N, C-alpha and C. Protein backbone atom coordinates (compact mmCIF):
# COMPACT_ATOMS: atom_id res chain seq x y z
N UNK A 1 9.39 16.99 -29.86
CA UNK A 1 8.91 15.90 -30.69
C UNK A 1 8.11 16.46 -31.86
N UNK A 2 7.27 17.44 -31.54
CA UNK A 2 6.43 18.01 -32.59
C UNK A 2 7.27 18.77 -33.61
N UNK A 3 8.26 19.53 -33.14
CA UNK A 3 9.11 20.30 -34.05
C UNK A 3 9.91 19.39 -34.98
N UNK A 4 10.24 18.21 -34.51
CA UNK A 4 11.00 17.26 -35.33
C UNK A 4 10.11 16.53 -36.34
N UNK A 5 8.80 16.79 -36.27
CA UNK A 5 7.88 16.19 -37.23
C UNK A 5 7.35 14.82 -36.84
N UNK A 6 7.63 14.40 -35.60
CA UNK A 6 7.17 13.08 -35.17
C UNK A 6 5.74 13.10 -34.64
N UNK A 7 5.28 14.23 -34.21
CA UNK A 7 3.93 14.32 -33.67
C UNK A 7 3.26 15.55 -34.24
N UNK A 8 2.11 15.36 -34.82
CA UNK A 8 1.40 16.49 -35.41
C UNK A 8 0.21 16.91 -34.57
N UNK A 9 -0.23 16.07 -33.65
CA UNK A 9 -1.35 16.40 -32.77
C UNK A 9 -0.83 17.28 -31.64
N UNK A 10 -1.41 18.47 -31.44
CA UNK A 10 -0.92 19.36 -30.38
C UNK A 10 -1.10 18.77 -28.98
N UNK A 11 -1.94 17.77 -28.84
CA UNK A 11 -2.16 17.13 -27.54
C UNK A 11 -1.33 15.87 -27.36
N UNK A 12 -0.44 15.59 -28.31
CA UNK A 12 0.33 14.34 -28.29
C UNK A 12 1.08 14.15 -26.97
N UNK A 13 1.80 15.15 -26.52
CA UNK A 13 2.60 15.01 -25.30
C UNK A 13 1.70 14.70 -24.10
N UNK A 14 0.60 15.41 -23.98
CA UNK A 14 -0.32 15.16 -22.87
C UNK A 14 -0.93 13.77 -22.95
N UNK A 15 -1.27 13.34 -24.17
CA UNK A 15 -1.83 12.00 -24.35
C UNK A 15 -0.80 10.93 -24.01
N UNK A 16 0.44 11.15 -24.40
CA UNK A 16 1.50 10.19 -24.11
C UNK A 16 1.72 10.08 -22.60
N UNK A 17 1.76 11.21 -21.92
CA UNK A 17 1.92 11.21 -20.46
C UNK A 17 0.76 10.46 -19.81
N UNK A 18 -0.45 10.67 -20.32
CA UNK A 18 -1.62 9.98 -19.76
C UNK A 18 -1.49 8.46 -19.93
N UNK A 19 -1.05 8.01 -21.09
CA UNK A 19 -0.87 6.57 -21.33
C UNK A 19 0.20 6.01 -20.38
N UNK A 20 1.29 6.73 -20.22
CA UNK A 20 2.36 6.30 -19.32
C UNK A 20 1.82 6.14 -17.90
N UNK A 21 1.05 7.11 -17.44
CA UNK A 21 0.49 7.05 -16.09
C UNK A 21 -0.58 5.97 -15.96
N UNK A 22 -1.46 5.88 -16.95
CA UNK A 22 -2.56 4.90 -16.90
C UNK A 22 -2.06 3.47 -16.81
N UNK A 23 -0.99 3.17 -17.50
CA UNK A 23 -0.49 1.80 -17.54
C UNK A 23 0.70 1.56 -16.62
N UNK A 24 1.01 2.54 -15.77
CA UNK A 24 2.08 2.36 -14.80
C UNK A 24 3.46 2.23 -15.42
N UNK A 25 3.63 2.77 -16.61
CA UNK A 25 4.92 2.64 -17.29
C UNK A 25 6.00 3.46 -16.62
N UNK A 26 5.59 4.42 -15.79
CA UNK A 26 6.56 5.24 -15.07
C UNK A 26 7.11 4.52 -13.85
N UNK A 27 6.64 3.30 -13.58
CA UNK A 27 7.12 2.55 -12.43
C UNK A 27 8.30 1.64 -12.78
N UNK A 28 8.71 1.63 -14.06
CA UNK A 28 9.74 0.71 -14.51
C UNK A 28 10.83 1.45 -15.27
N UNK A 29 12.06 0.92 -15.18
CA UNK A 29 13.14 1.49 -15.96
C UNK A 29 13.24 0.77 -17.31
N UNK A 30 14.26 1.07 -18.08
CA UNK A 30 14.39 0.50 -19.43
C UNK A 30 14.57 -1.02 -19.41
N UNK A 31 15.01 -1.57 -18.28
CA UNK A 31 15.20 -3.02 -18.16
C UNK A 31 13.97 -3.73 -17.62
N UNK A 32 12.91 -2.96 -17.33
CA UNK A 32 11.71 -3.56 -16.77
C UNK A 32 11.75 -3.72 -15.27
N UNK A 33 12.78 -3.15 -14.62
CA UNK A 33 12.89 -3.23 -13.17
C UNK A 33 12.10 -2.09 -12.54
N UNK A 34 11.50 -2.39 -11.38
CA UNK A 34 10.73 -1.38 -10.67
C UNK A 34 11.66 -0.30 -10.15
N UNK A 35 11.25 0.95 -10.30
CA UNK A 35 12.02 2.07 -9.78
C UNK A 35 11.24 2.71 -8.64
N UNK A 36 11.90 3.48 -7.83
CA UNK A 36 11.23 4.18 -6.76
C UNK A 36 12.01 4.06 -5.46
N UNK A 37 11.37 4.45 -4.40
CA UNK A 37 11.97 4.44 -3.09
C UNK A 37 12.24 3.00 -2.65
N UNK A 38 13.48 2.72 -2.28
CA UNK A 38 13.87 1.35 -1.90
C UNK A 38 13.10 0.84 -0.69
N UNK A 39 12.84 1.71 0.28
CA UNK A 39 12.11 1.30 1.48
C UNK A 39 10.69 0.90 1.11
N UNK A 40 10.04 1.72 0.32
CA UNK A 40 8.67 1.41 -0.11
C UNK A 40 8.65 0.12 -0.92
N UNK A 41 9.58 -0.03 -1.82
CA UNK A 41 9.61 -1.25 -2.65
C UNK A 41 9.86 -2.49 -1.80
N UNK A 42 10.72 -2.37 -0.80
CA UNK A 42 10.99 -3.51 0.08
C UNK A 42 9.75 -3.85 0.90
N UNK A 43 9.03 -2.84 1.37
CA UNK A 43 7.79 -3.07 2.13
C UNK A 43 6.76 -3.78 1.26
N UNK A 44 6.58 -3.30 0.05
CA UNK A 44 5.60 -3.90 -0.86
C UNK A 44 6.02 -5.33 -1.22
N UNK A 45 7.29 -5.53 -1.47
CA UNK A 45 7.78 -6.87 -1.80
C UNK A 45 7.49 -7.86 -0.67
N UNK A 46 7.65 -7.40 0.58
CA UNK A 46 7.38 -8.27 1.73
C UNK A 46 5.93 -8.73 1.74
N UNK A 47 5.02 -7.83 1.43
CA UNK A 47 3.60 -8.19 1.42
C UNK A 47 3.21 -9.00 0.21
N UNK A 48 3.81 -8.71 -0.93
CA UNK A 48 3.45 -9.40 -2.17
C UNK A 48 3.74 -10.89 -2.10
N UNK A 49 4.70 -11.29 -1.29
CA UNK A 49 5.01 -12.72 -1.20
C UNK A 49 3.87 -13.51 -0.56
N UNK A 50 2.95 -12.81 0.11
CA UNK A 50 1.82 -13.48 0.76
C UNK A 50 0.55 -13.44 -0.08
N UNK A 51 0.55 -12.74 -1.20
CA UNK A 51 -0.66 -12.64 -2.03
C UNK A 51 -1.09 -14.04 -2.47
N UNK A 52 -2.35 -14.35 -2.18
CA UNK A 52 -2.91 -15.65 -2.54
C UNK A 52 -2.46 -16.80 -1.66
N UNK A 53 -1.64 -16.51 -0.65
CA UNK A 53 -1.09 -17.57 0.19
C UNK A 53 -1.45 -17.40 1.66
N UNK A 54 -2.12 -16.32 2.00
CA UNK A 54 -2.37 -16.02 3.40
C UNK A 54 -3.84 -15.63 3.59
N UNK A 55 -4.58 -16.42 4.36
CA UNK A 55 -5.97 -16.05 4.63
C UNK A 55 -6.02 -14.93 5.67
N UNK A 56 -7.13 -14.23 5.71
CA UNK A 56 -7.35 -13.20 6.71
C UNK A 56 -7.57 -13.87 8.06
N UNK A 57 -6.87 -13.39 9.10
CA UNK A 57 -7.07 -13.88 10.46
C UNK A 57 -7.25 -12.66 11.35
N UNK A 58 -8.48 -12.41 11.79
CA UNK A 58 -8.74 -11.25 12.64
C UNK A 58 -7.89 -11.36 13.90
N UNK A 59 -7.13 -10.31 14.19
CA UNK A 59 -6.25 -10.31 15.35
C UNK A 59 -4.92 -11.00 15.11
N UNK A 60 -4.71 -11.52 13.91
CA UNK A 60 -3.47 -12.22 13.59
C UNK A 60 -2.32 -11.25 13.34
N UNK A 61 -1.12 -11.78 13.32
CA UNK A 61 0.06 -10.99 12.99
C UNK A 61 0.64 -10.19 14.12
N UNK A 62 0.21 -10.46 15.35
CA UNK A 62 0.69 -9.66 16.47
C UNK A 62 1.72 -10.40 17.33
N UNK A 63 2.15 -11.56 16.84
CA UNK A 63 3.24 -12.29 17.49
C UNK A 63 4.06 -12.96 16.40
N UNK A 64 5.26 -13.39 16.76
CA UNK A 64 6.18 -13.92 15.75
C UNK A 64 5.66 -15.20 15.10
N UNK A 65 4.97 -16.04 15.86
CA UNK A 65 4.44 -17.29 15.28
C UNK A 65 3.44 -16.98 14.17
N UNK A 66 2.56 -16.00 14.40
CA UNK A 66 1.60 -15.61 13.36
C UNK A 66 2.31 -15.04 12.15
N UNK A 67 3.29 -14.19 12.38
CA UNK A 67 4.02 -13.58 11.27
C UNK A 67 4.72 -14.66 10.45
N UNK A 68 5.38 -15.58 11.12
CA UNK A 68 6.09 -16.66 10.42
C UNK A 68 5.15 -17.51 9.58
N UNK A 69 3.91 -17.68 10.06
CA UNK A 69 2.93 -18.51 9.36
C UNK A 69 2.09 -17.70 8.36
N UNK A 70 2.30 -16.38 8.32
CA UNK A 70 1.53 -15.55 7.39
C UNK A 70 0.09 -15.36 7.81
N UNK A 71 -0.16 -15.33 9.11
CA UNK A 71 -1.52 -15.10 9.63
C UNK A 71 -1.65 -13.64 10.03
N UNK A 72 -2.29 -12.85 9.17
CA UNK A 72 -2.42 -11.41 9.38
C UNK A 72 -3.87 -10.98 9.29
N UNK A 73 -4.14 -9.79 9.83
CA UNK A 73 -5.34 -9.05 9.45
C UNK A 73 -4.83 -7.82 8.71
N UNK A 74 -5.71 -6.91 8.34
CA UNK A 74 -5.28 -5.81 7.47
C UNK A 74 -4.21 -4.93 8.10
N UNK A 75 -4.39 -4.57 9.36
CA UNK A 75 -3.44 -3.65 9.98
C UNK A 75 -2.11 -4.33 10.29
N UNK A 76 -2.15 -5.59 10.71
CA UNK A 76 -0.88 -6.27 10.99
C UNK A 76 -0.11 -6.56 9.71
N UNK A 77 -0.81 -6.76 8.58
CA UNK A 77 -0.10 -6.93 7.31
C UNK A 77 0.68 -5.66 6.96
N UNK A 78 0.03 -4.52 7.08
CA UNK A 78 0.69 -3.24 6.79
C UNK A 78 1.89 -3.05 7.72
N UNK A 79 1.69 -3.33 9.00
CA UNK A 79 2.77 -3.21 9.98
C UNK A 79 3.93 -4.13 9.59
N UNK A 80 3.63 -5.38 9.25
CA UNK A 80 4.64 -6.35 8.85
C UNK A 80 5.42 -5.86 7.62
N UNK A 81 4.71 -5.37 6.63
CA UNK A 81 5.36 -4.92 5.40
C UNK A 81 6.40 -3.85 5.69
N UNK A 82 5.99 -2.83 6.43
CA UNK A 82 6.92 -1.74 6.71
C UNK A 82 8.01 -2.16 7.69
N UNK A 83 7.69 -3.02 8.66
CA UNK A 83 8.72 -3.52 9.57
C UNK A 83 9.78 -4.30 8.79
N UNK A 84 9.35 -5.02 7.77
CA UNK A 84 10.29 -5.78 6.92
C UNK A 84 11.24 -4.86 6.18
N UNK A 85 10.83 -3.61 6.01
CA UNK A 85 11.66 -2.62 5.32
C UNK A 85 12.38 -1.70 6.30
N UNK A 86 12.29 -2.02 7.61
CA UNK A 86 13.00 -1.24 8.61
C UNK A 86 12.23 -0.06 9.19
N UNK A 87 10.94 0.03 8.90
CA UNK A 87 10.12 1.13 9.41
C UNK A 87 9.14 0.57 10.43
N UNK A 88 9.20 1.06 11.66
CA UNK A 88 8.30 0.59 12.71
C UNK A 88 7.11 1.54 12.81
N UNK A 89 5.93 0.98 12.66
CA UNK A 89 4.70 1.76 12.74
C UNK A 89 4.01 1.46 14.07
N UNK A 90 4.72 1.72 15.16
CA UNK A 90 4.18 1.44 16.49
C UNK A 90 4.41 0.00 16.89
N UNK A 91 3.96 -0.37 18.09
CA UNK A 91 4.16 -1.73 18.58
C UNK A 91 3.34 -2.75 17.77
N UNK A 92 3.97 -3.84 17.39
CA UNK A 92 3.28 -4.88 16.62
C UNK A 92 2.10 -5.46 17.41
N UNK A 93 2.28 -5.63 18.71
CA UNK A 93 1.28 -6.30 19.54
C UNK A 93 -0.04 -5.56 19.61
N UNK A 94 -0.01 -4.26 19.36
CA UNK A 94 -1.24 -3.47 19.52
C UNK A 94 -1.62 -2.68 18.27
N UNK A 95 -1.07 -3.04 17.11
CA UNK A 95 -1.37 -2.28 15.90
C UNK A 95 -2.83 -2.47 15.49
N UNK A 96 -3.45 -1.37 15.12
CA UNK A 96 -4.82 -1.37 14.59
C UNK A 96 -4.89 -0.32 13.49
N UNK A 97 -5.98 -0.32 12.75
CA UNK A 97 -6.16 0.75 11.76
C UNK A 97 -6.19 2.10 12.46
N UNK A 98 -6.73 2.12 13.67
CA UNK A 98 -6.85 3.39 14.39
C UNK A 98 -5.50 3.87 14.91
N UNK A 99 -4.54 2.99 15.14
CA UNK A 99 -3.20 3.46 15.50
C UNK A 99 -2.45 3.90 14.24
N UNK A 100 -2.70 3.24 13.12
CA UNK A 100 -2.01 3.58 11.88
C UNK A 100 -2.50 4.89 11.26
N UNK A 101 -3.74 5.28 11.56
CA UNK A 101 -4.28 6.52 10.99
C UNK A 101 -3.51 7.73 11.50
N UNK A 102 -2.75 7.56 12.57
CA UNK A 102 -1.96 8.67 13.13
C UNK A 102 -0.50 8.64 12.70
N UNK A 103 -0.11 7.67 11.90
CA UNK A 103 1.28 7.56 11.46
C UNK A 103 1.54 8.44 10.24
N UNK A 104 2.77 8.88 10.11
CA UNK A 104 3.15 9.67 8.94
C UNK A 104 2.40 10.99 8.87
N UNK A 105 2.16 11.43 7.65
CA UNK A 105 1.46 12.70 7.46
C UNK A 105 0.28 12.49 6.51
N UNK A 106 -0.77 13.28 6.71
CA UNK A 106 -1.92 13.16 5.81
C UNK A 106 -1.58 13.69 4.42
N UNK A 107 -2.16 13.05 3.41
CA UNK A 107 -1.94 13.43 2.02
C UNK A 107 -3.30 13.45 1.34
N UNK A 108 -3.59 14.45 0.51
CA UNK A 108 -4.85 14.41 -0.24
C UNK A 108 -4.91 13.17 -1.13
N UNK A 109 -6.09 12.57 -1.23
CA UNK A 109 -6.24 11.37 -2.05
C UNK A 109 -5.79 11.61 -3.48
N UNK A 110 -5.95 12.82 -3.95
CA UNK A 110 -5.55 13.15 -5.33
C UNK A 110 -4.03 13.12 -5.52
N UNK A 111 -3.29 13.09 -4.41
CA UNK A 111 -1.82 13.09 -4.48
C UNK A 111 -1.20 11.81 -3.94
N UNK A 112 -2.00 10.76 -3.76
CA UNK A 112 -1.43 9.54 -3.19
C UNK A 112 -0.43 8.91 -4.14
N UNK A 113 0.59 8.29 -3.51
CA UNK A 113 1.67 7.67 -4.26
C UNK A 113 1.87 6.25 -3.77
N UNK A 114 2.61 5.50 -4.55
CA UNK A 114 2.98 4.14 -4.20
C UNK A 114 3.57 4.12 -2.78
N UNK A 115 3.06 3.22 -1.96
CA UNK A 115 3.53 3.08 -0.59
C UNK A 115 2.68 3.78 0.44
N UNK A 116 1.79 4.67 0.02
CA UNK A 116 0.93 5.37 0.98
C UNK A 116 -0.06 4.40 1.61
N UNK A 117 -0.43 4.69 2.85
CA UNK A 117 -1.46 3.92 3.54
C UNK A 117 -2.81 4.51 3.17
N UNK A 118 -3.76 3.65 2.79
CA UNK A 118 -5.09 4.14 2.42
C UNK A 118 -6.13 3.43 3.28
N UNK A 119 -7.18 4.17 3.63
CA UNK A 119 -8.15 3.70 4.60
C UNK A 119 -9.55 3.60 4.00
N UNK A 120 -10.31 2.68 4.59
CA UNK A 120 -11.65 2.38 4.12
C UNK A 120 -12.60 2.31 5.31
N UNK A 121 -13.86 2.60 5.05
CA UNK A 121 -14.90 2.54 6.08
C UNK A 121 -15.69 1.24 5.96
N UNK A 122 -15.02 0.10 6.10
CA UNK A 122 -15.71 -1.19 5.99
C UNK A 122 -16.22 -1.68 7.33
N UNK A 123 -15.44 -1.54 8.37
CA UNK A 123 -15.83 -1.98 9.71
C UNK A 123 -15.84 -0.74 10.59
N UNK A 124 -16.66 0.22 10.23
CA UNK A 124 -16.64 1.51 10.91
C UNK A 124 -15.64 2.44 10.24
N UNK A 125 -15.56 3.65 10.74
CA UNK A 125 -14.66 4.65 10.17
C UNK A 125 -13.22 4.16 10.25
N UNK A 126 -12.51 4.21 9.13
CA UNK A 126 -11.11 3.78 9.05
C UNK A 126 -10.91 2.34 9.54
N UNK A 127 -11.89 1.48 9.27
CA UNK A 127 -11.85 0.10 9.75
C UNK A 127 -11.03 -0.85 8.90
N UNK A 128 -10.54 -0.40 7.76
CA UNK A 128 -9.72 -1.26 6.89
C UNK A 128 -8.60 -0.41 6.30
N UNK A 129 -7.47 -1.06 6.02
CA UNK A 129 -6.29 -0.36 5.51
C UNK A 129 -5.60 -1.20 4.44
N UNK A 130 -4.94 -0.50 3.53
CA UNK A 130 -4.11 -1.15 2.52
C UNK A 130 -2.93 -0.26 2.18
N UNK A 131 -2.04 -0.77 1.36
CA UNK A 131 -0.87 -0.01 0.88
C UNK A 131 -1.09 0.25 -0.60
N UNK A 132 -1.10 1.53 -0.97
CA UNK A 132 -1.35 1.90 -2.36
C UNK A 132 -0.17 1.48 -3.23
N UNK A 133 -0.49 0.84 -4.36
CA UNK A 133 0.54 0.35 -5.28
C UNK A 133 0.71 1.25 -6.50
N UNK A 134 -0.32 2.02 -6.81
CA UNK A 134 -0.32 2.83 -8.03
C UNK A 134 -1.40 2.33 -8.98
N UNK A 135 -1.80 3.19 -9.88
CA UNK A 135 -2.80 2.84 -10.90
C UNK A 135 -4.10 2.29 -10.32
N UNK A 136 -4.49 2.80 -9.15
CA UNK A 136 -5.74 2.39 -8.53
C UNK A 136 -5.69 1.06 -7.80
N UNK A 137 -4.53 0.44 -7.73
CA UNK A 137 -4.39 -0.87 -7.08
C UNK A 137 -3.77 -0.71 -5.70
N UNK A 138 -4.11 -1.64 -4.80
CA UNK A 138 -3.54 -1.60 -3.46
C UNK A 138 -3.41 -3.01 -2.90
N UNK A 139 -2.43 -3.17 -2.03
CA UNK A 139 -2.17 -4.42 -1.33
C UNK A 139 -2.95 -4.39 -0.02
N UNK A 140 -3.66 -5.47 0.29
CA UNK A 140 -4.41 -5.50 1.54
C UNK A 140 -4.68 -6.94 1.96
N UNK A 141 -5.20 -7.09 3.16
CA UNK A 141 -5.63 -8.39 3.66
C UNK A 141 -7.11 -8.24 4.00
N UNK A 142 -7.96 -8.77 3.13
CA UNK A 142 -9.40 -8.62 3.33
C UNK A 142 -9.99 -9.91 3.88
N UNK A 143 -11.11 -9.78 4.56
CA UNK A 143 -11.73 -10.94 5.20
C UNK A 143 -12.23 -11.96 4.18
N UNK A 144 -12.47 -11.56 2.95
CA UNK A 144 -12.97 -12.49 1.94
C UNK A 144 -11.89 -13.00 0.99
N UNK A 145 -10.83 -12.23 0.78
CA UNK A 145 -9.80 -12.60 -0.20
C UNK A 145 -8.45 -12.94 0.42
N UNK A 146 -8.27 -12.66 1.71
CA UNK A 146 -6.95 -12.81 2.31
C UNK A 146 -6.02 -11.76 1.74
N UNK A 147 -4.73 -12.01 1.80
CA UNK A 147 -3.76 -11.05 1.25
C UNK A 147 -3.94 -11.05 -0.26
N UNK A 148 -4.24 -9.87 -0.78
CA UNK A 148 -4.61 -9.76 -2.20
C UNK A 148 -4.39 -8.34 -2.69
N UNK A 149 -4.59 -8.18 -4.00
CA UNK A 149 -4.52 -6.86 -4.63
C UNK A 149 -5.95 -6.40 -4.87
N UNK A 150 -6.28 -5.25 -4.29
CA UNK A 150 -7.59 -4.66 -4.49
C UNK A 150 -7.53 -3.57 -5.55
N UNK A 151 -8.69 -3.18 -6.02
CA UNK A 151 -8.80 -2.15 -7.06
C UNK A 151 -9.74 -1.06 -6.58
N UNK A 152 -9.20 0.15 -6.41
CA UNK A 152 -10.02 1.27 -5.95
C UNK A 152 -11.17 1.59 -6.90
N UNK A 153 -11.07 1.15 -8.14
CA UNK A 153 -12.12 1.43 -9.12
C UNK A 153 -13.22 0.38 -9.12
N UNK A 154 -13.06 -0.68 -8.34
CA UNK A 154 -14.12 -1.70 -8.28
C UNK A 154 -15.32 -1.12 -7.55
N UNK A 155 -16.48 -1.70 -7.81
CA UNK A 155 -17.71 -1.22 -7.17
C UNK A 155 -17.59 -1.27 -5.65
N UNK A 156 -17.01 -2.35 -5.13
CA UNK A 156 -16.92 -2.52 -3.69
C UNK A 156 -15.96 -1.51 -3.06
N UNK A 157 -14.70 -1.52 -3.50
CA UNK A 157 -13.71 -0.67 -2.84
C UNK A 157 -13.96 0.80 -3.09
N UNK A 158 -14.47 1.19 -4.22
CA UNK A 158 -14.75 2.61 -4.47
C UNK A 158 -15.83 3.12 -3.52
N UNK A 159 -16.74 2.24 -3.13
CA UNK A 159 -17.81 2.63 -2.20
C UNK A 159 -17.26 2.87 -0.79
N UNK A 160 -16.22 2.13 -0.39
CA UNK A 160 -15.73 2.21 0.98
C UNK A 160 -14.47 3.05 1.17
N UNK A 161 -13.75 3.36 0.11
CA UNK A 161 -12.56 4.21 0.26
C UNK A 161 -13.01 5.57 0.77
N UNK A 162 -12.43 6.01 1.90
CA UNK A 162 -12.90 7.25 2.52
C UNK A 162 -12.02 8.47 2.25
N UNK A 163 -10.97 8.29 1.46
CA UNK A 163 -10.11 9.42 1.13
C UNK A 163 -8.99 9.68 2.11
N UNK A 164 -8.97 8.95 3.22
CA UNK A 164 -7.87 9.12 4.18
C UNK A 164 -6.63 8.42 3.64
N UNK A 165 -5.57 9.19 3.50
CA UNK A 165 -4.29 8.69 2.98
C UNK A 165 -3.19 9.21 3.89
N UNK A 166 -2.29 8.32 4.28
CA UNK A 166 -1.16 8.70 5.12
C UNK A 166 0.14 8.29 4.44
N UNK A 167 1.10 9.18 4.44
CA UNK A 167 2.42 8.89 3.87
C UNK A 167 3.39 8.66 5.02
N UNK A 168 3.91 7.44 5.12
CA UNK A 168 4.83 7.10 6.20
C UNK A 168 6.28 7.11 5.74
N UNK A 169 6.50 7.09 4.43
CA UNK A 169 7.84 7.17 3.85
C UNK A 169 7.77 8.10 2.65
N UNK A 170 8.70 9.04 2.56
CA UNK A 170 8.74 9.95 1.41
C UNK A 170 9.41 9.30 0.23
């Protein structure tokens, strides 16, 4: 680009890459469609349909009636999302954040990607979980917001994010 005379700033390429990453432009193709792993996208899509429509229910989501009605807690929402995409994260009836912390493989927080499981110390160590969406955002079911999109950069979530990240799908 620089040799063709379109960019004169030696940092142009790095700045452009930063803008692409900051605004999540790398998550879409030329038609505006989301790109990426189909399993991860299907899991996220399953959870996104409940955003703003499902209150938090502690212990919910562990039977079919709860799932059909959208009654989840944080761990059962994550389980439901991945089960909807064909990935079983242990038995639905007994899923907890503590069972999910052993799923997949650990990943440094600096390398987390869309679809990774991320953990928080809200109700004790690893007491809350969400699915990382990218750009600091994550899907979760919180006791105050229900199924919603959280922001790792917010004062609340940045205080409780403990750096534990698990990758269950490559």
